[in-house]
Amino acid sequence: MNTIKYKIFGLCLGLSMISYSNQAQTKKAAPQSYILEGSIKGLSDGTTIELIPGATHSSENAVAETTSKDGKFSFTGKLKEPRLFYLSFGKNKGYIPVLIENSKIKVTAEAETSKENERINFKNEVVTGSKSNDYFKKETAFREDLNNDYAAYHKGTEAISNLYGKARTAGNKKLMDSIGNSPEWKKFEADEKAFFAKVQSSSENLIAKHKATWWGPFFMLTQYSYFTPDQKPVFEQFSETAKKSYYGQLVEKEVNPKSLVGTNLSNFALNDKDGKALNVKDITAGKKYILIDFWASWCGPCRKEIPNLKTAYAAYSDKGFEILSISIDKDQKAWLKALGQENMQWHNLLDDNKVSNAFNVKTIPATYLVDSKGIIISDNLRGAALEEKLKELLKS
């Protein structure tokens, strides 16, 4: 009887091992490379398609290039972790974003070339085969609600916004104050404040939800165009795995930028609010010290720092101190609106990306104190620290 039991046990064990072996053989290993195949209806033969890294906060060169044939093209490669890339089409850069991972990915769309500027526009874009791309779309679906909210609180404000803009252009402060104190304008400002608070909350929640993986720093890069000192604690919450990821390393470089103290200020020219190009050497001529201040209308910490700049300017401008504020705003109207609100009595210029890149500006506000020889002698001076430094340098 025992012999029979052992034989049955042995048979069952053997069958179990065979079953396990078959499962192991049928289980597919994770792909070690990606194949991206595109099929774009209406795309002209010979169109150049480039694969350009995205979510890096920098201007990137293409890592691969191909041309289309019958609307089709393909890219292959290997990635250590999923990465966002832009498929860039033609000389005028029509784009399709794709989160690429090591898998077989297909991209389909319909192309329409603008007769005005030859830019290729797309509709009905579909990306399949990338779980990361699917997840990204799911996690950022809230953006559609934010777009609707933005349109809703702007609806019906065109007339008063245009009137305020004309008053600002004309320098009619009385009319600007009158509009600014009207119930319509106050409601608009309250709605705008509530909207951006919702944007901030949505972004923070998205990032915090993914603090253990590469998604955390990736979402940090996609949710914020620039970082401010407020974002440093956001980075610190990430796990070591997240910090060491590709996107984690990019974020770390931005929240802890390399110092330029001791280097020479290069000459540059940018436009002021009237569209006039001003040369930095002309602005600094005859000055003992100049504070170059990078900011933006949408940057809360930047706006909070302006009263401190005004205090320093009032105390030391007659002793050889000058300020040059450079806005990194992409929206010129928003910049002009902020200038009207803040009434800064020093030179204000609008960045062209080249200057902020030259200064390696990764977080704002960013300030650089330059001496009469054009050497950057200090950076990130704000509030009381700026006041103390100027007091030390400009002893009467």
Protein backbone atom coordinates (compact mmCIF):
# COMPACT_ATOMS: atom_id res chain seq x y z
CA MET A 1 0.00 0.00 0.00
CA ASN A 2 2.80 2.41 0.92
CA THR A 3 4.51 1.62 -2.37
CA ILE A 4 1.35 2.57 -4.25
CA LYS A 5 1.08 5.82 -2.22
CA TYR A 6 4.66 6.76 -3.01
CA LYS A 7 4.13 6.00 -6.69
CA ILE A 8 1.00 8.18 -6.76
CA PHE A 9 2.88 10.96 -4.92
CA GLY A 10 5.78 10.65 -7.32
CA LEU A 11 3.44 10.80 -10.30
CA CYS A 12 1.70 13.90 -8.92
CA LEU A 13 5.04 15.55 -8.21
CA GLY A 14 6.24 14.71 -11.69
CA LEU A 15 3.11 16.15 -13.27
CA SER A 16 3.47 19.24 -11.09
CA MET A 17 7.07 19.73 -12.21
CA ILE A 18 6.09 19.26 -15.85
CA SER A 19 3.28 21.80 -15.44
CA TYR A 20 5.65 24.29 -13.75
CA SER A 21 8.25 23.70 -16.45
CA ASN A 22 5.70 24.35 -19.18
CA GLN A 23 4.56 27.56 -17.46
CA ALA A 24 8.14 28.74 -17.17
CA GLN A 25 8.73 28.04 -20.83
CA THR A 26 5.53 29.76 -21.97
CA LYS A 27 6.07 32.84 -19.77
CA LYS A 28 7.58 35.49 -22.00
CA ALA A 29 10.65 37.39 -20.90
CA ALA A 30 10.33 41.18 -20.73
CA PRO A 31 11.39 42.80 -24.02
CA GLN A 32 14.93 44.19 -23.97
CA SER A 33 14.38 46.73 -26.74
CA TYR A 34 11.64 48.74 -28.41
CA ILE A 35 10.25 48.86 -31.92
CA LEU A 36 8.19 51.92 -32.73
CA GLU A 37 6.24 51.70 -35.97
CA GLY A 38 4.37 54.69 -37.34
CA SER A 39 1.62 54.87 -39.93
CA ILE A 40 0.46 58.41 -40.69
CA LYS A 41 -2.25 58.94 -43.26
CA GLY A 42 -1.53 61.92 -45.51
CA LEU A 43 2.19 62.12 -44.68
CA SER A 44 4.28 62.93 -47.74
CA ASP A 45 7.00 60.52 -48.82
CA GLY A 46 10.46 61.61 -47.74
CA THR A 47 9.24 63.57 -44.71
CA THR A 48 11.98 63.69 -42.09
CA ILE A 49 10.96 62.27 -38.72
CA GLU A 50 13.15 62.87 -35.67
CA LEU A 51 13.03 61.28 -32.24
CA ILE A 52 13.60 64.05 -29.68
CA PRO A 53 13.82 63.55 -25.88
CA GLY A 54 11.06 65.28 -23.91
CA ALA A 55 10.41 66.34 -20.30
CA THR A 56 13.99 67.53 -19.81
CA HIS A 57 13.46 71.32 -19.47
CA SER A 58 16.17 71.75 -22.11
CA SER A 59 16.38 72.08 -25.87
CA GLU A 60 17.30 68.60 -27.03
CA ASN A 61 18.81 67.31 -30.24
CA ALA A 62 17.31 64.33 -32.02
CA VAL A 63 18.67 60.94 -30.95
CA ALA A 64 17.48 59.26 -34.15
CA GLU A 65 16.18 60.24 -37.58
CA THR A 66 14.39 58.54 -40.44
CA THR A 67 12.16 59.35 -43.41
CA SER A 68 8.65 58.27 -44.33
CA LYS A 69 7.57 55.97 -47.15
CA ASP A 70 3.87 55.51 -47.87
CA GLY A 71 3.23 57.23 -44.54
CA LYS A 72 5.22 54.62 -42.64
CA PHE A 73 8.40 54.80 -40.58
CA SER A 74 10.05 53.01 -37.67
CA PHE A 75 12.56 53.45 -34.85
CA THR A 76 14.32 50.82 -32.75
CA GLY A 77 16.43 51.05 -29.62
CA LYS A 78 16.89 50.11 -25.95
CA LEU A 79 15.91 51.99 -22.80
CA LYS A 80 16.74 51.38 -19.14
CA GLU A 81 13.37 52.85 -18.17
CA PRO A 82 10.44 54.44 -20.02
CA ARG A 83 11.15 57.86 -21.54
CA LEU A 84 9.07 60.56 -23.15
CA PHE A 85 10.00 61.38 -26.74
CA TYR A 86 8.54 63.65 -29.37
CA LEU A 87 8.12 62.40 -32.90
CA SER A 88 9.01 65.55 -34.84
CA PHE A 89 7.82 65.76 -38.44
CA GLY A 90 9.16 67.99 -41.19
CA LYS A 91 11.12 71.22 -41.07
CA ASN A 92 8.36 73.13 -39.29
CA LYS A 93 8.07 70.58 -36.51
CA GLY A 94 4.71 68.96 -36.14
CA TYR A 95 4.84 66.81 -33.00
CA ILE A 96 3.37 63.64 -31.54
CA PRO A 97 4.46 62.82 -27.95
CA VAL A 98 5.00 59.17 -27.04
CA LEU A 99 6.15 57.50 -23.83
CA ILE A 100 8.45 54.81 -25.17
CA GLU A 101 9.28 51.62 -23.29
CA ASN A 102 10.89 48.36 -24.37
CA SER A 103 7.96 46.92 -26.30
CA LYS A 104 6.39 46.95 -29.74
CA ILE A 105 4.67 50.32 -30.12
CA LYS A 106 2.44 51.53 -32.92
CA VAL A 107 1.54 55.14 -33.68
CA THR A 108 -1.23 56.06 -36.09
CA ALA A 109 -2.64 59.46 -37.00
CA GLU A 110 -3.89 61.64 -39.83
CA ALA A 111 -1.66 64.47 -41.06
CA GLU A 112 -2.68 67.83 -42.47
CA THR A 113 -0.08 70.28 -43.75
CA SER A 114 -0.80 73.96 -43.19
CA LYS A 115 -0.68 75.98 -46.41
CA GLU A 116 0.29 79.05 -44.41
CA ASN A 117 3.51 77.78 -42.79
CA GLU A 118 3.85 74.16 -43.97
CA ARG A 119 3.54 72.94 -40.40
CA ILE A 120 2.21 69.39 -40.15
CA ASN A 121 -0.78 69.09 -37.83
CA PHE A 122 -2.26 65.83 -36.60
CA LYS A 123 -5.63 64.47 -35.60
CA ASN A 124 -6.90 61.11 -34.36
CA GLU A 125 -3.52 60.19 -32.89
CA VAL A 126 -3.48 56.71 -31.38
CA VAL A 127 -0.57 55.10 -29.53
CA THR A 128 -0.77 51.39 -28.71
CA GLY A 129 1.67 48.92 -27.19
CA SER A 130 3.07 51.25 -24.52
CA LYS A 131 1.63 50.64 -21.07
CA SER A 132 3.52 53.69 -19.82
CA ASN A 133 1.86 55.91 -22.41
CA ASP A 134 -1.56 54.55 -21.44
CA TYR A 135 -0.85 55.18 -17.76
CA PHE A 136 0.41 58.69 -18.43
CA LYS A 137 -2.80 59.58 -20.26
CA LYS A 138 -4.93 58.13 -17.47
CA GLU A 139 -3.07 59.93 -14.69
CA THR A 140 -3.15 63.30 -16.47
CA ALA A 141 -6.76 63.17 -17.66
CA PHE A 142 -7.57 65.86 -15.07
CA ARG A 143 -5.94 68.40 -17.38
CA GLU A 144 -9.05 68.39 -19.54
CA ASP A 145 -11.09 69.55 -16.54
CA LEU A 146 -8.53 72.28 -15.86
CA ASN A 147 -8.74 73.44 -19.47
CA ASN A 148 -12.51 73.68 -19.12
CA ASP A 149 -12.17 75.61 -15.86
CA TYR A 150 -9.73 78.02 -17.49
CA ALA A 151 -12.09 78.69 -20.37
CA ALA A 152 -15.02 79.11 -17.96
CA TYR A 153 -13.49 81.82 -15.78
CA HIS A 154 -12.17 83.71 -18.81
CA LYS A 155 -15.55 83.68 -20.53
CA GLY A 156 -17.03 87.17 -20.73
CA THR A 157 -13.87 88.94 -19.51
CA GLU A 158 -12.46 89.82 -22.93
CA ALA A 159 -13.85 93.37 -22.94
CA ILE A 160 -12.60 94.37 -19.49
CA SER A 161 -9.22 92.69 -20.11
CA ASN A 162 -8.79 94.61 -23.37
CA LEU A 163 -9.78 97.85 -21.66
CA TYR A 164 -7.25 97.26 -18.91
CA GLY A 165 -4.58 96.46 -21.50
CA LYS A 166 -5.24 99.70 -23.38
CA ALA A 167 -5.11 101.69 -20.15
CA ARG A 168 -1.80 100.08 -19.24
CA THR A 169 -0.34 100.74 -22.68
CA ALA A 170 -1.41 104.38 -22.44
CA GLY A 171 0.00 104.66 -18.93
CA ASN A 172 -3.42 105.69 -17.62
CA LYS A 173 -2.98 104.66 -13.98
CA LYS A 174 -6.26 106.27 -12.93
CA LEU A 175 -8.22 104.12 -15.37
CA MET A 176 -6.19 101.05 -14.42
CA ASP A 177 -7.03 101.60 -10.75
CA SER A 178 -10.68 102.14 -11.61
CA ILE A 179 -10.86 98.88 -13.56
CA GLY A 180 -8.86 97.04 -10.92
CA ASN A 181 -11.32 98.08 -8.21
CA SER A 182 -14.42 97.14 -10.20
CA PRO A 183 -16.52 94.13 -9.08
CA GLU A 184 -15.98 92.45 -12.46
CA TRP A 185 -12.20 92.64 -12.18
CA LYS A 186 -12.14 91.55 -8.55
CA LYS A 187 -14.27 88.51 -9.44
CA PHE A 188 -11.92 87.69 -12.29
CA GLU A 189 -8.90 87.89 -9.98
CA ALA A 190 -10.62 85.73 -7.36
CA ASP A 191 -11.54 83.12 -9.99
CA GLU A 192 -7.99 83.21 -11.34
CA LYS A 193 -6.53 82.71 -7.87
CA ALA A 194 -8.85 79.75 -7.23
CA PHE A 195 -7.97 78.23 -10.60
CA PHE A 196 -4.23 78.33 -10.04
CA ALA A 197 -4.67 76.97 -6.52
CA LYS A 198 -6.48 74.00 -8.09
CA VAL A 199 -3.70 73.58 -10.65
CA GLN A 200 -1.10 73.61 -7.88
CA SER A 201 -3.02 71.11 -5.76
CA SER A 202 -3.59 68.75 -8.69
CA SER A 203 0.10 68.79 -9.60
CA GLU A 204 1.29 68.25 -6.03
CA ASN A 205 -1.08 65.32 -5.50
CA LEU A 206 0.00 63.70 -8.76
CA ILE A 207 3.68 63.95 -7.87
CA ALA A 208 3.25 62.79 -4.26
CA LYS A 209 1.29 59.75 -5.42
CA HIS A 210 4.33 58.59 -7.41
CA LYS A 211 7.17 59.50 -5.05
CA ALA A 212 8.51 55.92 -4.92
CA THR A 213 9.24 55.51 -8.64
CA TRP A 214 10.62 57.36 -11.67
CA TRP A 215 7.09 58.61 -12.31
CA GLY A 216 7.48 61.12 -9.45
CA PRO A 217 10.33 63.18 -10.93
CA PHE A 218 8.92 62.64 -14.41
CA PHE A 219 5.60 64.20 -13.40
CA MET A 220 7.53 66.96 -11.63
CA LEU A 221 9.19 67.85 -14.93
CA THR A 222 5.96 67.70 -16.92
CA GLN A 223 3.86 69.65 -14.41
CA TYR A 224 6.29 72.54 -13.87
CA SER A 225 7.98 74.56 -16.62
CA TYR A 226 10.48 75.93 -14.11
CA PHE A 227 11.21 75.09 -10.52
CA THR A 228 11.27 77.47 -7.56
CA PRO A 229 12.84 76.92 -4.12
CA ASP A 230 9.41 75.64 -3.04
CA GLN A 231 9.99 72.54 -5.17
CA LYS A 232 13.13 71.38 -3.32
CA PRO A 233 11.11 69.65 -0.56
CA VAL A 234 9.05 68.02 -3.30
CA PHE A 235 12.20 66.43 -4.68
CA GLU A 236 13.40 65.39 -1.22
CA GLN A 237 10.25 63.31 -0.67
CA PHE A 238 11.25 60.93 -3.48
CA SER A 239 12.66 57.49 -2.76
CA GLU A 240 16.30 56.79 -3.57
CA THR A 241 15.12 54.74 -6.53
CA ALA A 242 13.18 57.71 -7.86
CA LYS A 243 16.08 60.12 -7.28
CA LYS A 244 18.53 57.85 -9.13
CA SER A 245 16.23 57.39 -12.11
CA TYR A 246 16.90 59.23 -15.37
CA TYR A 247 14.31 61.90 -14.61
CA GLY A 248 15.28 62.00 -10.94
CA GLN A 249 18.82 63.00 -11.87
CA LEU A 250 17.51 65.74 -14.16
CA VAL A 251 15.35 67.19 -11.39
CA GLU A 252 18.21 67.09 -8.90
CA LYS A 253 20.39 69.16 -11.24
CA GLU A 254 17.62 71.73 -11.54
CA VAL A 255 16.78 72.10 -7.86
CA ASN A 256 20.51 72.21 -7.02
CA PRO A 257 21.98 74.21 -9.94
CA LYS A 258 25.72 74.75 -10.36
CA SER A 259 26.92 78.11 -9.06
CA LEU A 260 28.20 80.76 -11.49
CA VAL A 261 29.95 82.80 -8.81
CA GLY A 262 33.39 83.87 -10.03
CA THR A 263 32.50 83.77 -13.73
CA ASN A 264 32.24 86.73 -16.10
CA LEU A 265 28.95 88.22 -17.23
CA SER A 266 28.56 87.86 -20.98
CA ASN A 267 27.00 90.69 -22.93
CA PHE A 268 23.44 90.23 -24.19
CA ALA A 269 20.48 92.24 -25.43
CA LEU A 270 16.76 91.71 -24.81
CA ASN A 271 13.58 93.66 -25.48
CA ASP A 272 11.81 95.85 -22.95
CA LYS A 273 8.03 96.28 -22.66
CA ASP A 274 8.03 98.67 -25.61
CA GLY A 275 9.87 96.22 -27.84
CA LYS A 276 13.12 98.17 -27.66
CA ALA A 277 16.31 96.09 -27.49
CA LEU A 278 18.49 97.02 -24.52
CA ASN A 279 22.10 95.95 -24.14
CA VAL A 280 23.18 94.79 -20.68
CA LYS A 281 26.50 96.65 -20.95
CA ASP A 282 24.65 99.91 -21.52
CA ILE A 283 22.46 99.23 -18.48
CA THR A 284 25.42 98.43 -16.23
CA ALA A 285 27.70 101.24 -17.45
CA GLY A 286 28.86 103.37 -14.54
CA LYS A 287 27.22 101.14 -11.93
CA LYS A 288 29.12 99.58 -9.05
CA TYR A 289 26.84 96.58 -8.68
CA ILE A 290 23.90 95.20 -10.61
CA LEU A 291 21.47 92.53 -9.51
CA ILE A 292 20.21 90.38 -12.39
CA ASP A 293 16.88 88.97 -11.32
CA PHE A 294 15.12 86.15 -13.22
CA TRP A 295 11.42 85.89 -12.45
CA ALA A 296 7.99 85.26 -14.01
CA SER A 297 4.50 86.65 -13.58
CA TRP A 298 3.17 83.23 -12.50
CA CYS A 299 5.92 82.63 -9.93
CA GLY A 300 4.52 83.26 -6.44
CA PRO A 301 7.91 83.42 -4.64
CA CYS A 302 9.15 85.85 -7.31
CA ARG A 303 6.23 88.20 -6.77
CA LYS A 304 6.67 88.01 -3.00
CA GLU A 305 10.31 89.04 -3.39
CA ILE A 306 9.55 92.23 -5.36
CA PRO A 307 8.86 94.39 -2.26
CA ASN A 308 12.32 93.43 -0.96
CA LEU A 309 13.86 94.45 -4.28
CA LYS A 310 12.03 97.78 -4.10
CA THR A 311 13.41 98.37 -0.60
CA ALA A 312 16.97 97.61 -1.73
CA TYR A 313 16.60 99.77 -4.83
CA ALA A 314 15.29 102.73 -2.86
CA ALA A 315 18.14 102.47 -0.37
CA TYR A 316 21.08 101.91 -2.72
CA SER A 317 20.23 103.01 -6.28
CA ASP A 318 21.83 106.42 -5.67
CA LYS A 319 25.01 104.67 -4.46
CA GLY A 320 25.73 102.77 -7.65
CA PHE A 321 23.30 99.85 -7.33
CA GLU A 322 21.10 98.79 -10.25
CA ILE A 323 18.58 96.01 -10.84
CA LEU A 324 17.82 94.27 -14.12
CA SER A 325 14.78 92.00 -13.97
CA ILE A 326 14.42 89.42 -16.74
CA SER A 327 11.11 87.62 -17.08
CA ILE A 328 11.01 84.08 -18.43
CA ASP A 329 7.30 84.43 -19.22
CA LYS A 330 6.17 82.75 -22.43
CA ASP A 331 3.02 84.87 -22.41
CA GLN A 332 3.99 88.47 -23.09
CA LYS A 333 0.55 89.74 -22.06
CA ALA A 334 0.89 88.10 -18.65
CA TRP A 335 4.31 89.73 -18.25
CA LEU A 336 3.00 93.17 -19.20
CA LYS A 337 0.08 92.76 -16.83
CA ALA A 338 2.45 91.90 -13.98
CA LEU A 339 4.65 94.90 -14.79
CA GLY A 340 1.60 97.14 -14.53
CA GLN A 341 0.69 95.63 -11.18
CA GLU A 342 4.17 95.64 -9.64
CA ASN A 343 5.39 99.06 -10.86
CA MET A 344 9.09 98.20 -10.70
CA GLN A 345 11.21 101.32 -11.26
CA TRP A 346 14.18 99.59 -12.90
CA HIS A 347 14.87 97.93 -16.23
CA ASN A 348 12.63 94.99 -17.09
CA LEU A 349 13.34 92.76 -20.09
CA LEU A 350 11.71 89.66 -21.58
CA ASP A 351 13.88 86.56 -21.94
CA ASP A 352 14.37 84.81 -25.27
CA ASN A 353 15.37 81.49 -23.60
CA LYS A 354 18.99 82.00 -24.61
CA VAL A 355 19.86 84.29 -21.70
CA SER A 356 18.25 82.15 -18.99
CA ASN A 357 19.93 79.09 -20.51
CA ALA A 358 23.30 80.88 -20.48
CA PHE A 359 22.80 81.56 -16.77
CA ASN A 360 21.71 77.95 -16.28
CA VAL A 361 18.50 79.16 -14.67
CA LYS A 362 16.65 76.09 -13.44
CA THR A 363 14.69 77.55 -10.54
CA ILE A 364 13.19 80.98 -9.98
CA PRO A 365 13.53 83.48 -8.48
CA ALA A 366 17.20 83.38 -9.44
CA THR A 367 19.46 86.35 -8.75
CA TYR A 368 23.07 87.13 -9.64
CA LEU A 369 25.00 90.05 -8.16
CA VAL A 370 27.57 91.41 -10.62
CA ASP A 371 30.36 93.89 -9.86
CA SER A 372 31.67 96.74 -12.03
CA LYS A 373 34.17 94.39 -13.69
CA GLY A 374 31.37 92.13 -14.90
CA ILE A 375 32.16 89.31 -12.46
CA ILE A 376 29.34 87.46 -10.70
CA ILE A 377 30.22 87.80 -7.02
CA SER A 378 27.15 86.25 -5.42
CA ASP A 379 23.92 84.47 -6.27
CA ASN A 380 20.48 83.77 -4.82
CA LEU A 381 20.52 86.85 -2.61
CA ARG A 382 17.02 87.62 -1.39
CA GLY A 383 15.33 89.55 1.39
CA ALA A 384 17.56 90.40 4.33
CA ALA A 385 20.54 88.62 2.74
CA LEU A 386 20.50 91.05 -0.20
CA GLU A 387 20.17 94.02 2.14
CA GLU A 388 23.13 92.86 4.26
CA LYS A 389 25.32 92.23 1.20
CA LEU A 390 24.65 95.67 -0.26
CA LYS A 391 25.25 97.30 3.11
CA GLU A 392 28.62 95.55 3.26
CA LEU A 393 29.61 96.47 -0.31
CA LEU A 394 28.31 100.03 -0.42
CA LYS A 395 29.48 101.38 2.89
CA SER A 396 29.10 105.12 2.89
